[in-house]
Amino acid sequence: MKSAKTTGEAWKARFLLALFALGAFIVPYVTGLIIEYSRIKQWEGMGFRPEQTRSWWRNGIWQQSEAIRWRAAGFGPEDAFSWKRMVFIAQDAREWKEAGFDVADAVEWRRYAFEPSDAAG
């Protein structure tokens, strides 16, 4: 039969382990959720729905101002990511797209210092 002292020590050890788990895992997780929620609320103020905000984030666009520029140029998160990955800014990407070029073609033409209007004509 276990002594009362052993049972009490086991309870204390479990309690300390639970406190450690709370401090090491749960508190940072909840803090992250609170921060994400507040950032999403900021984006909502500029007309982005929560799922749109997360889509921009998944595609590597973390700055609200950058997402606004891409959206104003007529790009969604996935398209913006493709063009941004090839080092285009929103305005340039829009010009190339309006001239009828996709990302790969625009990269090739730009490599040889062509502007969209020159490459299209």
PDB file of N, CA and C in Angstrom:
ATOM      1  N   MET A   1       0.833  -1.176   0.000  1.00  0.00           N
ATOM      2  CA  MET A   1       0.000   0.000   0.000  1.00  0.00           C
ATOM      3  C   MET A   1       0.884   1.247   0.000  1.00  0.00           C
ATOM      4  N   LYS A   2       0.464   2.243  -0.781  1.00  0.00           N
ATOM      5  CA  LYS A   2       1.254   3.465  -0.892  1.00  0.00           C
ATOM      6  C   LYS A   2       1.029   4.334   0.331  1.00  0.00           C
ATOM      7  N   SER A   3       2.071   5.003   0.700  1.00  0.00           N
ATOM      8  CA  SER A   3       1.931   5.895   1.847  1.00  0.00           C
ATOM      9  C   SER A   3       1.320   7.220   1.397  1.00  0.00           C
ATOM     10  N   ALA A   4       0.792   7.941   2.335  1.00  0.00           N
ATOM     11  CA  ALA A   4       0.171   9.232   2.038  1.00  0.00           C
ATOM     12  C   ALA A   4       1.207  10.223   1.528  1.00  0.00           C
ATOM     13  N   LYS A   5       2.438  10.085   2.007  1.00  0.00           N
ATOM     14  CA  LYS A   5       3.506  10.991   1.589  1.00  0.00           C
ATOM     15  C   LYS A   5       3.822  10.780   0.108  1.00  0.00           C
ATOM     16  N   THR A   6       3.903   9.520  -0.336  1.00  0.00           N
ATOM     17  CA  THR A   6       4.200   9.205  -1.735  1.00  0.00           C
ATOM     18  C   THR A   6       3.081   9.698  -2.645  1.00  0.00           C
ATOM     19  N   THR A   7       1.845   9.498  -2.228  1.00  0.00           N
ATOM     20  CA  THR A   7       0.703   9.953  -3.016  1.00  0.00           C
ATOM     21  C   THR A   7       0.701  11.474  -3.130  1.00  0.00           C
ATOM     22  N   GLY A   8       0.996  12.156  -2.075  1.00  0.00           N
ATOM     23  CA  GLY A   8       1.056  13.619  -2.088  1.00  0.00           C
ATOM     24  C   GLY A   8       2.170  14.133  -2.972  1.00  0.00           C
ATOM     25  N   GLU A   9       3.314  13.466  -2.960  1.00  0.00           N
ATOM     26  CA  GLU A   9       4.434  13.885  -3.811  1.00  0.00           C
ATOM     27  C   GLU A   9       4.115  13.649  -5.286  1.00  0.00           C
ATOM     28  N   ALA A  10       3.435  12.550  -5.582  1.00  0.00           N
ATOM     29  CA  ALA A  10       3.050  12.274  -6.973  1.00  0.00           C
ATOM     30  C   ALA A  10       2.065  13.335  -7.460  1.00  0.00           C
ATOM     31  N   TRP A  11       1.148  13.729  -6.610  1.00  0.00           N
ATOM     32  CA  TRP A  11       0.192  14.761  -6.980  1.00  0.00           C
ATOM     33  C   TRP A  11       0.902  16.080  -7.257  1.00  0.00           C
ATOM     34  N   LYS A  12       1.869  16.428  -6.420  1.00  0.00           N
ATOM     35  CA  LYS A  12       2.633  17.667  -6.612  1.00  0.00           C
ATOM     36  C   LYS A  12       3.406  17.624  -7.926  1.00  0.00           C
ATOM     37  N   ALA A  13       3.995  16.474  -8.226  1.00  0.00           N
ATOM     38  CA  ALA A  13       4.755  16.334  -9.471  1.00  0.00           C
ATOM     39  C   ALA A  13       3.839  16.496 -10.684  1.00  0.00           C
ATOM     40  N   ARG A  14       2.670  15.895 -10.630  1.00  0.00           N
ATOM     41  CA  ARG A  14       1.710  16.042 -11.738  1.00  0.00           C
ATOM     42  C   ARG A  14       1.243  17.488 -11.875  1.00  0.00           C
ATOM     43  N   PHE A  15       1.026  18.129 -10.762  1.00  0.00           N
ATOM     44  CA  PHE A  15       0.599  19.520 -10.778  1.00  0.00           C
ATOM     45  C   PHE A  15       1.677  20.406 -11.390  1.00  0.00           C
ATOM     46  N   LEU A  16       2.923  20.191 -11.000  1.00  0.00           N
ATOM     47  CA  LEU A  16       4.026  20.971 -11.566  1.00  0.00           C
ATOM     48  C   LEU A  16       4.185  20.710 -13.061  1.00  0.00           C
ATOM     49  N   LEU A  17       4.001  19.462 -13.471  1.00  0.00           N
ATOM     50  CA  LEU A  17       4.076  19.122 -14.890  1.00  0.00           C
ATOM     51  C   LEU A  17       2.962  19.825 -15.668  1.00  0.00           C
ATOM     52  N   ALA A  18       1.778  19.861 -15.094  1.00  0.00           N
ATOM     53  CA  ALA A  18       0.659  20.549 -15.743  1.00  0.00           C
ATOM     54  C   ALA A  18       0.931  22.050 -15.849  1.00  0.00           C
ATOM     55  N   LEU A  19       1.494  22.637 -14.811  1.00  0.00           N
ATOM     56  CA  LEU A  19       1.850  24.055 -14.866  1.00  0.00           C
ATOM     57  C   LEU A  19       2.899  24.320 -15.938  1.00  0.00           C
ATOM     58  N   PHE A  20       3.872  23.440 -16.037  1.00  0.00           N
ATOM     59  CA  PHE A  20       4.903  23.573 -17.066  1.00  0.00           C
ATOM     60  C   PHE A  20       4.279  23.499 -18.456  1.00  0.00           C
ATOM     61  N   ALA A  21       3.382  22.542 -18.659  1.00  0.00           N
ATOM     62  CA  ALA A  21       2.713  22.401 -19.961  1.00  0.00           C
ATOM     63  C   ALA A  21       1.914  23.662 -20.280  1.00  0.00           C
ATOM     64  N   LEU A  22       1.246  24.192 -19.289  1.00  0.00           N
ATOM     65  CA  LEU A  22       0.480  25.414 -19.477  1.00  0.00           C
ATOM     66  C   LEU A  22       1.393  26.561 -19.892  1.00  0.00           C
ATOM     67  N   GLY A  23       2.483  26.703 -19.185  1.00  0.00           N
ATOM     68  CA  GLY A  23       3.399  27.802 -19.475  1.00  0.00           C
ATOM     69  C   GLY A  23       4.159  27.643 -20.775  1.00  0.00           C
ATOM     70  N   ALA A  24       4.534  26.425 -21.110  1.00  0.00           N
ATOM     71  CA  ALA A  24       5.380  26.199 -22.276  1.00  0.00           C
ATOM     72  C   ALA A  24       4.607  26.062 -23.578  1.00  0.00           C
ATOM     73  N   PHE A  25       3.383  25.617 -23.533  1.00  0.00           N
ATOM     74  CA  PHE A  25       2.653  25.335 -24.762  1.00  0.00           C
ATOM     75  C   PHE A  25       1.360  26.137 -24.907  1.00  0.00           C
ATOM     76  N   ILE A  26       0.544  26.112 -23.908  1.00  0.00           N
ATOM     77  CA  ILE A  26      -0.781  26.707 -24.029  1.00  0.00           C
ATOM     78  C   ILE A  26      -0.711  28.231 -24.061  1.00  0.00           C
ATOM     79  N   VAL A  27       0.067  28.834 -23.183  1.00  0.00           N
ATOM     80  CA  VAL A  27       0.144  30.297 -23.143  1.00  0.00           C
ATOM     81  C   VAL A  27       0.685  30.865 -24.458  1.00  0.00           C
ATOM     82  N   PRO A  28       1.799  30.357 -25.013  1.00  0.00           N
ATOM     83  CA  PRO A  28       2.251  30.889 -26.314  1.00  0.00           C
ATOM     84  C   PRO A  28       1.236  30.663 -27.432  1.00  0.00           C
ATOM     85  N   TYR A  29       0.550  29.529 -27.408  1.00  0.00           N
ATOM     86  CA  TYR A  29      -0.455  29.241 -28.429  1.00  0.00           C
ATOM     87  C   TYR A  29      -1.592  30.255 -28.374  1.00  0.00           C
ATOM     88  N   VAL A  30      -2.104  30.488 -27.190  1.00  0.00           N
ATOM     89  CA  VAL A  30      -3.204  31.441 -27.025  1.00  0.00           C
ATOM     90  C   VAL A  30      -2.734  32.853 -27.375  1.00  0.00           C
ATOM     91  N   THR A  31      -1.518  33.196 -26.994  1.00  0.00           N
ATOM     92  CA  THR A  31      -0.969  34.504 -27.340  1.00  0.00           C
ATOM     93  C   THR A  31      -0.905  34.671 -28.852  1.00  0.00           C
ATOM     94  N   GLY A  32      -0.463  33.631 -29.553  1.00  0.00           N
ATOM     95  CA  GLY A  32      -0.418  33.668 -31.015  1.00  0.00           C
ATOM     96  C   GLY A  32      -1.789  33.863 -31.627  1.00  0.00           C
ATOM     97  N   LEU A  33      -2.785  33.186 -31.081  1.00  0.00           N
ATOM     98  CA  LEU A  33      -4.155  33.351 -31.580  1.00  0.00           C
ATOM     99  C   LEU A  33      -4.661  34.779 -31.383  1.00  0.00           C
ATOM    100  N   ILE A  34      -4.342  35.354 -30.243  1.00  0.00           N
ATOM    101  CA  ILE A  34      -4.774  36.724 -29.962  1.00  0.00           C
ATOM    102  C   ILE A  34      -4.112  37.701 -30.929  1.00  0.00           C
ATOM    103  N   ILE A  35      -2.820  37.507 -31.177  1.00  0.00           N
ATOM    104  CA  ILE A  35      -2.105  38.385 -32.105  1.00  0.00           C
ATOM    105  C   ILE A  35      -2.672  38.237 -33.515  1.00  0.00           C
ATOM    106  N   GLU A  36      -2.896  36.993 -33.951  1.00  0.00           N
ATOM    107  CA  GLU A  36      -3.462  36.766 -35.282  1.00  0.00           C
ATOM    108  C   GLU A  36      -4.840  37.414 -35.398  1.00  0.00           C
ATOM    109  N   TYR A  37      -5.657  37.265 -34.385  1.00  0.00           N
ATOM    110  CA  TYR A  37      -6.999  37.857 -34.390  1.00  0.00           C
ATOM    111  C   TYR A  37      -6.919  39.377 -34.529  1.00  0.00           C
ATOM    112  N   SER A  38      -5.996  40.000 -33.808  1.00  0.00           N
ATOM    113  CA  SER A  38      -5.891  41.463 -33.884  1.00  0.00           C
ATOM    114  C   SER A  38      -5.385  41.906 -35.253  1.00  0.00           C
ATOM    115  N   ARG A  39      -4.455  41.146 -35.855  1.00  0.00           N
ATOM    116  CA  ARG A  39      -3.977  41.488 -37.201  1.00  0.00           C
ATOM    117  C   ARG A  39      -5.088  41.317 -38.228  1.00  0.00           C
ATOM    118  N   ILE A  40      -5.887  40.266 -38.087  1.00  0.00           N
ATOM    119  CA  ILE A  40      -7.002  40.059 -39.015  1.00  0.00           C
ATOM    120  C   ILE A  40      -7.999  41.207 -38.890  1.00  0.00           C
ATOM    121  N   LYS A  41      -8.248  41.664 -37.681  1.00  0.00           N
ATOM    122  CA  LYS A  41      -9.159  42.795 -37.483  1.00  0.00           C
ATOM    123  C   LYS A  41      -8.628  44.052 -38.177  1.00  0.00           C
ATOM    124  N   GLN A  42      -7.323  44.267 -38.150  1.00  0.00           N
ATOM    125  CA  GLN A  42      -6.738  45.409 -38.850  1.00  0.00           C
ATOM    126  C   GLN A  42      -6.984  45.301 -40.352  1.00  0.00           C
ATOM    127  N   TRP A  43      -6.798  44.111 -40.887  1.00  0.00           N
ATOM    128  CA  TRP A  43      -7.012  43.905 -42.322  1.00  0.00           C
ATOM    129  C   TRP A  43      -8.487  44.067 -42.674  1.00  0.00           C
ATOM    130  N   GLU A  44      -9.379  43.643 -41.782  1.00  0.00           N
ATOM    131  CA  GLU A  44     -10.816  43.806 -42.038  1.00  0.00           C
ATOM    132  C   GLU A  44     -11.178  45.276 -42.193  1.00  0.00           C
ATOM    133  N   GLY A  45     -10.460  46.135 -41.492  1.00  0.00           N
ATOM    134  CA  GLY A  45     -10.691  47.568 -41.613  1.00  0.00           C
ATOM    135  C   GLY A  45     -10.417  48.098 -43.013  1.00  0.00           C
ATOM    136  N   MET A  46      -9.631  47.371 -43.796  1.00  0.00           N
ATOM    137  CA  MET A  46      -9.321  47.769 -45.171  1.00  0.00           C
ATOM    138  C   MET A  46     -10.091  46.940 -46.194  1.00  0.00           C
ATOM    139  N   GLY A  47     -11.085  46.183 -45.731  1.00  0.00           N
ATOM    140  CA  GLY A  47     -11.963  45.468 -46.643  1.00  0.00           C
ATOM    141  C   GLY A  47     -11.598  44.024 -46.933  1.00  0.00           C
ATOM    142  N   PHE A  48     -10.658  43.465 -46.211  1.00  0.00           N
ATOM    143  CA  PHE A  48     -10.292  42.060 -46.394  1.00  0.00           C
ATOM    144  C   PHE A  48     -11.087  41.195 -45.420  1.00  0.00           C
ATOM    145  N   ARG A  49     -11.700  40.137 -45.924  1.00  0.00           N
ATOM    146  CA  ARG A  49     -12.355  39.173 -45.044  1.00  0.00           C
ATOM    147  C   ARG A  49     -11.275  38.286 -44.412  1.00  0.00           C
ATOM    148  N   PRO A  50     -11.554  37.650 -43.271  1.00  0.00           N
ATOM    149  CA  PRO A  50     -10.537  36.819 -42.608  1.00  0.00           C
ATOM    150  C   PRO A  50      -9.926  35.752 -43.511  1.00  0.00           C
ATOM    151  N   GLU A  51     -10.758  35.072 -44.321  1.00  0.00           N
ATOM    152  CA  GLU A  51     -10.199  34.029 -45.189  1.00  0.00           C
ATOM    153  C   GLU A  51      -9.325  34.634 -46.284  1.00  0.00           C
ATOM    154  N   GLN A  52      -9.653  35.853 -46.741  1.00  0.00           N
ATOM    155  CA  GLN A  52      -8.802  36.527 -47.717  1.00  0.00           C
ATOM    156  C   GLN A  52      -7.465  36.899 -47.089  1.00  0.00           C
ATOM    157  N   THR A  53      -7.514  37.401 -45.879  1.00  0.00           N
ATOM    158  CA  THR A  53      -6.290  37.768 -45.171  1.00  0.00           C
ATOM    159  C   THR A  53      -5.370  36.568 -45.041  1.00  0.00           C
ATOM    160  N   ARG A  54      -5.913  35.448 -44.616  1.00  0.00           N
ATOM    161  CA  ARG A  54      -5.090  34.241 -44.465  1.00  0.00           C
ATOM    162  C   ARG A  54      -4.535  33.774 -45.808  1.00  0.00           C
ATOM    163  N   SER A  55      -5.298  33.962 -46.874  1.00  0.00           N
ATOM    164  CA  SER A  55      -4.824  33.586 -48.204  1.00  0.00           C
ATOM    165  C   SER A  55      -3.634  34.449 -48.620  1.00  0.00           C
ATOM    166  N   TRP A  56      -3.693  35.736 -48.356  1.00  0.00           N
ATOM    167  CA  TRP A  56      -2.546  36.604 -48.648  1.00  0.00           C
ATOM    168  C   TRP A  56      -1.343  36.155 -47.826  1.00  0.00           C
ATOM    169  N   TRP A  57      -1.545  35.845 -46.573  1.00  0.00           N
ATOM    170  CA  TRP A  57      -0.443  35.401 -45.719  1.00  0.00           C
ATOM    171  C   TRP A  57       0.153  34.096 -46.224  1.00  0.00           C
ATOM    172  N   ARG A  58      -0.710  33.147 -46.617  1.00  0.00           N
ATOM    173  CA  ARG A  58      -0.208  31.866 -47.133  1.00  0.00           C
ATOM    174  C   ARG A  58       0.642  32.051 -48.384  1.00  0.00           C
ATOM    175  N   ASN A  59       0.376  33.103 -49.125  1.00  0.00           N
ATOM    176  CA  ASN A  59       1.105  33.367 -50.357  1.00  0.00           C
ATOM    177  C   ASN A  59       2.251  34.355 -50.160  1.00  0.00           C
ATOM    178  N   GLY A  60       2.674  34.519 -48.929  1.00  0.00           N
ATOM    179  CA  GLY A  60       3.888  35.279 -48.639  1.00  0.00           C
ATOM    180  C   GLY A  60       3.736  36.782 -48.618  1.00  0.00           C
ATOM    181  N   ILE A  61       2.525  37.276 -48.591  1.00  0.00           N
ATOM    182  CA  ILE A  61       2.314  38.721 -48.537  1.00  0.00           C
ATOM    183  C   ILE A  61       1.746  39.044 -47.164  1.00  0.00           C
ATOM    184  N   TRP A  62       2.636  39.543 -46.304  1.00  0.00           N
ATOM    185  CA  TRP A  62       2.304  39.778 -44.899  1.00  0.00           C
ATOM    186  C   TRP A  62       1.922  41.224 -44.628  1.00  0.00           C
ATOM    187  N   GLN A  63       2.375  42.133 -45.490  1.00  0.00           N
ATOM    188  CA  GLN A  63       2.110  43.554 -45.287  1.00  0.00           C
ATOM    189  C   GLN A  63       0.762  43.921 -45.900  1.00  0.00           C
ATOM    190  N   GLN A  64      -0.058  44.547 -45.133  1.00  0.00           N
ATOM    191  CA  GLN A  64      -1.378  44.954 -45.608  1.00  0.00           C
ATOM    192  C   GLN A  64      -1.252  45.920 -46.777  1.00  0.00           C
ATOM    193  N   SER A  65      -0.321  46.853 -46.703  1.00  0.00           N
ATOM    194  CA  SER A  65      -0.152  47.834 -47.782  1.00  0.00           C
ATOM    195  C   SER A  65       0.243  47.158 -49.090  1.00  0.00           C
ATOM    196  N   GLU A  66       1.060  46.131 -49.013  1.00  0.00           N
ATOM    197  CA  GLU A  66       1.453  45.409 -50.222  1.00  0.00           C
ATOM    198  C   GLU A  66       0.267  44.651 -50.815  1.00  0.00           C
ATOM    199  N   ALA A  67      -0.534  44.036 -49.975  1.00  0.00           N
ATOM    200  CA  ALA A  67      -1.727  43.331 -50.453  1.00  0.00           C
ATOM    201  C   ALA A  67      -2.692  44.305 -51.119  1.00  0.00           C
ATOM    202  N   ILE A  68      -2.810  45.495 -50.568  1.00  0.00           N
ATOM    203  CA  ILE A  68      -3.689  46.505 -51.157  1.00  0.00           C
ATOM    204  C   ILE A  68      -3.185  46.898 -52.543  1.00  0.00           C
ATOM    205  N   ARG A  69      -1.867  47.080 -52.690  1.00  0.00           N
ATOM    206  CA  ARG A  69      -1.307  47.432 -54.005  1.00  0.00           C
ATOM    207  C   ARG A  69      -1.584  46.342 -55.032  1.00  0.00           C
ATOM    208  N   TRP A  70      -1.366  45.084 -54.641  1.00  0.00           N
ATOM    209  CA  TRP A  70      -1.605  43.982 -55.575  1.00  0.00           C
ATOM    210  C   TRP A  70      -3.090  43.878 -55.923  1.00  0.00           C
ATOM    211  N   ARG A  71      -3.938  44.018 -54.925  1.00  0.00           N
ATOM    212  CA  ARG A  71      -5.380  43.927 -55.172  1.00  0.00           C
ATOM    213  C   ARG A  71      -5.846  45.067 -56.071  1.00  0.00           C
ATOM    214  N   ALA A  72      -5.318  46.269 -55.847  1.00  0.00           N
ATOM    215  CA  ALA A  72      -5.678  47.420 -56.683  1.00  0.00           C
ATOM    216  C   ALA A  72      -5.210  47.229 -58.123  1.00  0.00           C
ATOM    217  N   ALA A  73      -4.132  46.471 -58.308  1.00  0.00           N
ATOM    218  CA  ALA A  73      -3.624  46.196 -59.656  1.00  0.00           C
ATOM    219  C   ALA A  73      -4.386  45.050 -60.317  1.00  0.00           C
ATOM    220  N   GLY A  74      -5.330  44.449 -59.600  1.00  0.00           N
ATOM    221  CA  GLY A  74      -6.174  43.410 -60.181  1.00  0.00           C
ATOM    222  C   GLY A  74      -5.705  41.987 -59.954  1.00  0.00           C
ATOM    223  N   PHE A  75      -4.874  41.769 -58.956  1.00  0.00           N
ATOM    224  CA  PHE A  75      -4.337  40.442 -58.684  1.00  0.00           C
ATOM    225  C   PHE A  75      -4.912  39.870 -57.398  1.00  0.00           C
ATOM    226  N   GLY A  76      -5.124  38.570 -57.406  1.00  0.00           N
ATOM    227  CA  GLY A  76      -5.468  37.843 -56.196  1.00  0.00           C
ATOM    228  C   GLY A  76      -4.187  37.358 -55.536  1.00  0.00           C
ATOM    229  N   PRO A  77      -4.295  36.735 -54.376  1.00  0.00           N
ATOM    230  CA  PRO A  77      -3.103  36.298 -53.646  1.00  0.00           C
ATOM    231  C   PRO A  77      -2.209  35.335 -54.426  1.00  0.00           C
ATOM    232  N   GLU A  78      -2.805  34.365 -55.118  1.00  0.00           N
ATOM    233  CA  GLU A  78      -1.997  33.367 -55.823  1.00  0.00           C
ATOM    234  C   GLU A  78      -1.252  33.995 -56.996  1.00  0.00           C
ATOM    235  N   ASP A  79      -1.956  34.820 -57.787  1.00  0.00           N
ATOM    236  CA  ASP A  79      -1.303  35.494 -58.913  1.00  0.00           C
ATOM    237  C   ASP A  79      -0.229  36.454 -58.423  1.00  0.00           C
ATOM    238  N   ALA A  80      -0.533  37.193 -57.382  1.00  0.00           N
ATOM    239  CA  ALA A  80       0.440  38.143 -56.842  1.00  0.00           C
ATOM    240  C   ALA A  80       1.704  37.417 -56.406  1.00  0.00           C
ATOM    241  N   PHE A  81       1.542  36.264 -55.788  1.00  0.00           N
ATOM    242  CA  PHE A  81       2.708  35.496 -55.352  1.00  0.00           C
ATOM    243  C   PHE A  81       3.573  35.097 -56.539  1.00  0.00           C
ATOM    244  N   SER A  82       2.944  34.648 -57.623  1.00  0.00           N
ATOM    245  CA  SER A  82       3.705  34.229 -58.807  1.00  0.00           C
ATOM    246  C   SER A  82       4.529  35.375 -59.375  1.00  0.00           C
ATOM    247  N   TRP A  83       3.921  36.530 -59.487  1.00  0.00           N
ATOM    248  CA  TRP A  83       4.633  37.683 -60.034  1.00  0.00           C
ATOM    249  C   TRP A  83       5.675  38.197 -59.047  1.00  0.00           C
ATOM    250  N   LYS A  84       5.330  38.260 -57.787  1.00  0.00           N
ATOM    251  CA  LYS A  84       6.271  38.758 -56.773  1.00  0.00           C
ATOM    252  C   LYS A  84       7.493  37.857 -56.672  1.00  0.00           C
ATOM    253  N   ARG A  85       7.283  36.565 -56.798  1.00  0.00           N
ATOM    254  CA  ARG A  85       8.393  35.616 -56.726  1.00  0.00           C
ATOM    255  C   ARG A  85       9.411  35.885 -57.833  1.00  0.00           C
ATOM    256  N   MET A  86       8.959  36.432 -58.947  1.00  0.00           N
ATOM    257  CA  MET A  86       9.847  36.763 -60.059  1.00  0.00           C
ATOM    258  C   MET A  86      10.285  38.231 -60.023  1.00  0.00           C
ATOM    259  N   VAL A  87      10.141  38.851 -58.864  1.00  0.00           N
ATOM    260  CA  VAL A  87      10.619  40.200 -58.556  1.00  0.00           C
ATOM    261  C   VAL A  87       9.926  41.283 -59.393  1.00  0.00           C
ATOM    262  N   PHE A  88       8.630  41.144 -59.545  1.00  0.00           N
ATOM    263  CA  PHE A  88       7.819  42.195 -60.156  1.00  0.00           C
ATOM    264  C   PHE A  88       7.089  42.931 -59.046  1.00  0.00           C
ATOM    265  N   ILE A  89       6.944  44.229 -59.209  1.00  0.00           N
ATOM    266  CA  ILE A  89       6.060  44.971 -58.317  1.00  0.00           C
ATOM    267  C   ILE A  89       4.674  44.971 -58.952  1.00  0.00           C
ATOM    268  N   ALA A  90       3.678  45.339 -58.202  1.00  0.00           N
ATOM    269  CA  ALA A  90       2.291  45.236 -58.666  1.00  0.00           C
ATOM    270  C   ALA A  90       2.048  46.030 -59.947  1.00  0.00           C
ATOM    271  N   GLN A  91       2.543  47.249 -60.011  1.00  0.00           N
ATOM    272  CA  GLN A  91       2.320  48.099 -61.183  1.00  0.00           C
ATOM    273  C   GLN A  91       2.936  47.474 -62.439  1.00  0.00           C
ATOM    274  N   ASP A  92       4.178  47.007 -62.338  1.00  0.00           N
ATOM    275  CA  ASP A  92       4.833  46.381 -63.495  1.00  0.00           C
ATOM    276  C   ASP A  92       4.113  45.103 -63.910  1.00  0.00           C
ATOM    277  N   ALA A  93       3.712  44.314 -62.941  1.00  0.00           N
ATOM    278  CA  ALA A  93       3.007  43.065 -63.250  1.00  0.00           C
ATOM    279  C   ALA A  93       1.706  43.359 -63.983  1.00  0.00           C
ATOM    280  N   ARG A  94       1.004  44.386 -63.551  1.00  0.00           N
ATOM    281  CA  ARG A  94      -0.246  44.753 -64.226  1.00  0.00           C
ATOM    282  C   ARG A  94       0.007  45.154 -65.678  1.00  0.00           C
ATOM    283  N   GLU A  95       1.065  45.925 -65.916  1.00  0.00           N
ATOM    284  CA  GLU A  95       1.382  46.352 -67.282  1.00  0.00           C
ATOM    285  C   GLU A  95       1.688  45.151 -68.180  1.00  0.00           C
ATOM    286  N   TRP A  96       2.468  44.208 -67.661  1.00  0.00           N
ATOM    287  CA  TRP A  96       2.792  43.016 -68.446  1.00  0.00           C
ATOM    288  C   TRP A  96       1.545  42.173 -68.693  1.00  0.00           C
ATOM    289  N   LYS A  97       0.721  42.044 -67.684  1.00  0.00           N
ATOM    290  CA  LYS A  97      -0.498  41.239 -67.825  1.00  0.00           C
ATOM    291  C   LYS A  97      -1.466  41.884 -68.820  1.00  0.00           C
ATOM    292  N   GLU A  98      -1.609  43.200 -68.745  1.00  0.00           N
ATOM    293  CA  GLU A  98      -2.479  43.907 -69.686  1.00  0.00           C
ATOM    294  C   GLU A  98      -1.967  43.808 -71.119  1.00  0.00           C
ATOM    295  N   ALA A  99      -0.644  43.656 -71.277  1.00  0.00           N
ATOM    296  CA  ALA A  99      -0.061  43.503 -72.612  1.00  0.00           C
ATOM    297  C   ALA A  99      -0.204  42.071 -73.122  1.00  0.00           C
ATOM    298  N   GLY A 100      -0.749  41.186 -72.278  1.00  0.00           N
ATOM    299  CA  GLY A 100      -1.028  39.818 -72.708  1.00  0.00           C
ATOM    300  C   GLY A 100       0.033  38.796 -72.359  1.00  0.00           C
ATOM    301  N   PHE A 101       0.913  39.110 -71.445  1.00  0.00           N
ATOM    302  CA  PHE A 101       1.997  38.205 -71.080  1.00  0.00           C
ATOM    303  C   PHE A 101       1.705  37.502 -69.759  1.00  0.00           C
ATOM    304  N   ASP A 102       2.136  36.252 -69.680  1.00  0.00           N
ATOM    305  CA  ASP A 102       2.102  35.572 -68.387  1.00  0.00           C
ATOM    306  C   ASP A 102       3.448  35.806 -67.702  1.00  0.00           C
ATOM    307  N   VAL A 103       3.606  35.286 -66.514  1.00  0.00           N
ATOM    308  CA  VAL A 103       4.810  35.552 -65.724  1.00  0.00           C
ATOM    309  C   VAL A 103       6.069  35.085 -66.448  1.00  0.00           C
ATOM    310  N   ALA A 104       6.059  33.861 -66.951  1.00  0.00           N
ATOM    311  CA  ALA A 104       7.262  33.301 -67.582  1.00  0.00           C
ATOM    312  C   ALA A 104       7.687  34.122 -68.792  1.00  0.00           C
ATOM    313  N   ASP A 105       6.738  34.501 -69.634  1.00  0.00           N
ATOM    314  CA  ASP A 105       7.081  35.304 -70.812  1.00  0.00           C
ATOM    315  C   ASP A 105       7.573  36.691 -70.413  1.00  0.00           C
ATOM    316  N   ALA A 106       6.935  37.284 -69.433  1.00  0.00           N
ATOM    317  CA  ALA A 106       7.349  38.613 -68.981  1.00  0.00           C
ATOM    318  C   ALA A 106       8.771  38.585 -68.436  1.00  0.00           C
ATOM    319  N   VAL A 107       9.118  37.526 -67.730  1.00  0.00           N
ATOM    320  CA  VAL A 107      10.480  37.400 -67.195  1.00  0.00           C
ATOM    321  C   VAL A 107      11.487  37.355 -68.340  1.00  0.00           C
ATOM    322  N   GLU A 108      11.194  36.579 -69.370  1.00  0.00           N
ATOM    323  CA  GLU A 108      12.110  36.469 -70.514  1.00  0.00           C
ATOM    324  C   GLU A 108      12.283  37.811 -71.221  1.00  0.00           C
ATOM    325  N   TRP A 109      11.193  38.478 -71.494  1.00  0.00           N
ATOM    326  CA  TRP A 109      11.290  39.764 -72.178  1.00  0.00           C
ATOM    327  C   TRP A 109      12.006  40.793 -71.306  1.00  0.00           C
ATOM    328  N   ARG A 110      11.705  40.803 -70.051  1.00  0.00           N
ATOM    329  CA  ARG A 110      12.340  41.777 -69.156  1.00  0.00           C
ATOM    330  C   ARG A 110      13.832  41.514 -69.020  1.00  0.00           C
ATOM    331  N   ARG A 111      14.232  40.261 -69.114  1.00  0.00           N
ATOM    332  CA  ARG A 111      15.650  39.904 -69.033  1.00  0.00           C
ATOM    333  C   ARG A 111      16.455  40.649 -70.105  1.00  0.00           C
ATOM    334  N   TYR A 112      15.827  40.884 -71.245  1.00  0.00           N
ATOM    335  CA  TYR A 112      16.499  41.586 -72.342  1.00  0.00           C
ATOM    336  C   TYR A 112      16.118  43.063 -72.392  1.00  0.00           C
ATOM    337  N   ALA A 113      15.634  43.584 -71.285  1.00  0.00           N
ATOM    338  CA  ALA A 113      15.348  45.007 -71.077  1.00  0.00           C
ATOM    339  C   ALA A 113      14.213  45.542 -71.942  1.00  0.00           C
ATOM    340  N   PHE A 114      13.258  44.693 -72.288  1.00  0.00           N
ATOM    341  CA  PHE A 114      12.092  45.150 -73.032  1.00  0.00           C
ATOM    342  C   PHE A 114      11.019  45.619 -72.060  1.00  0.00           C
ATOM    343  N   GLU A 115      10.289  46.626 -72.484  1.00  0.00           N
ATOM    344  CA  GLU A 115       9.106  47.080 -71.772  1.00  0.00           C
ATOM    345  C   GLU A 115       7.906  46.315 -72.325  1.00  0.00           C
ATOM    346  N   PRO A 116       6.798  46.246 -71.599  1.00  0.00           N
ATOM    347  CA  PRO A 116       5.631  45.510 -72.097  1.00  0.00           C
ATOM    348  C   PRO A 116       5.148  46.000 -73.464  1.00  0.00           C
ATOM    349  N   SER A 117       5.137  47.305 -73.661  1.00  0.00           N
ATOM    350  CA  SER A 117       4.663  47.845 -74.944  1.00  0.00           C
ATOM    351  C   SER A 117       5.581  47.441 -76.093  1.00  0.00           C
ATOM    352  N   ASP A 118       6.895  47.401 -75.860  1.00  0.00           N
ATOM    353  CA  ASP A 118       7.851  46.992 -76.899  1.00  0.00           C
ATOM    354  C   ASP A 118       7.724  45.506 -77.201  1.00  0.00           C
ATOM    355  N   ALA A 119       7.570  44.708 -76.164  1.00  0.00           N
ATOM    356  CA  ALA A 119       7.490  43.256 -76.348  1.00  0.00           C
ATOM    357  C   ALA A 119       6.196  42.860 -77.042  1.00  0.00           C
ATOM    358  N   ALA A 120       5.126  43.586 -76.802  1.00  0.00           N
ATOM    359  CA  ALA A 120       3.833  43.247 -77.401  1.00  0.00           C
ATOM    360  C   ALA A 120       3.751  43.665 -78.865  1.00  0.00           C
ATOM    361  N   GLY A 121       4.499  44.675 -79.250  1.00  0.00           N
ATOM    362  CA  GLY A 121       4.379  45.207 -80.609  1.00  0.00           C
ATOM    363  C   GLY A 121       5.424  44.693 -81.474  1.00  0.00           C
TER     364      GLY A 121
END
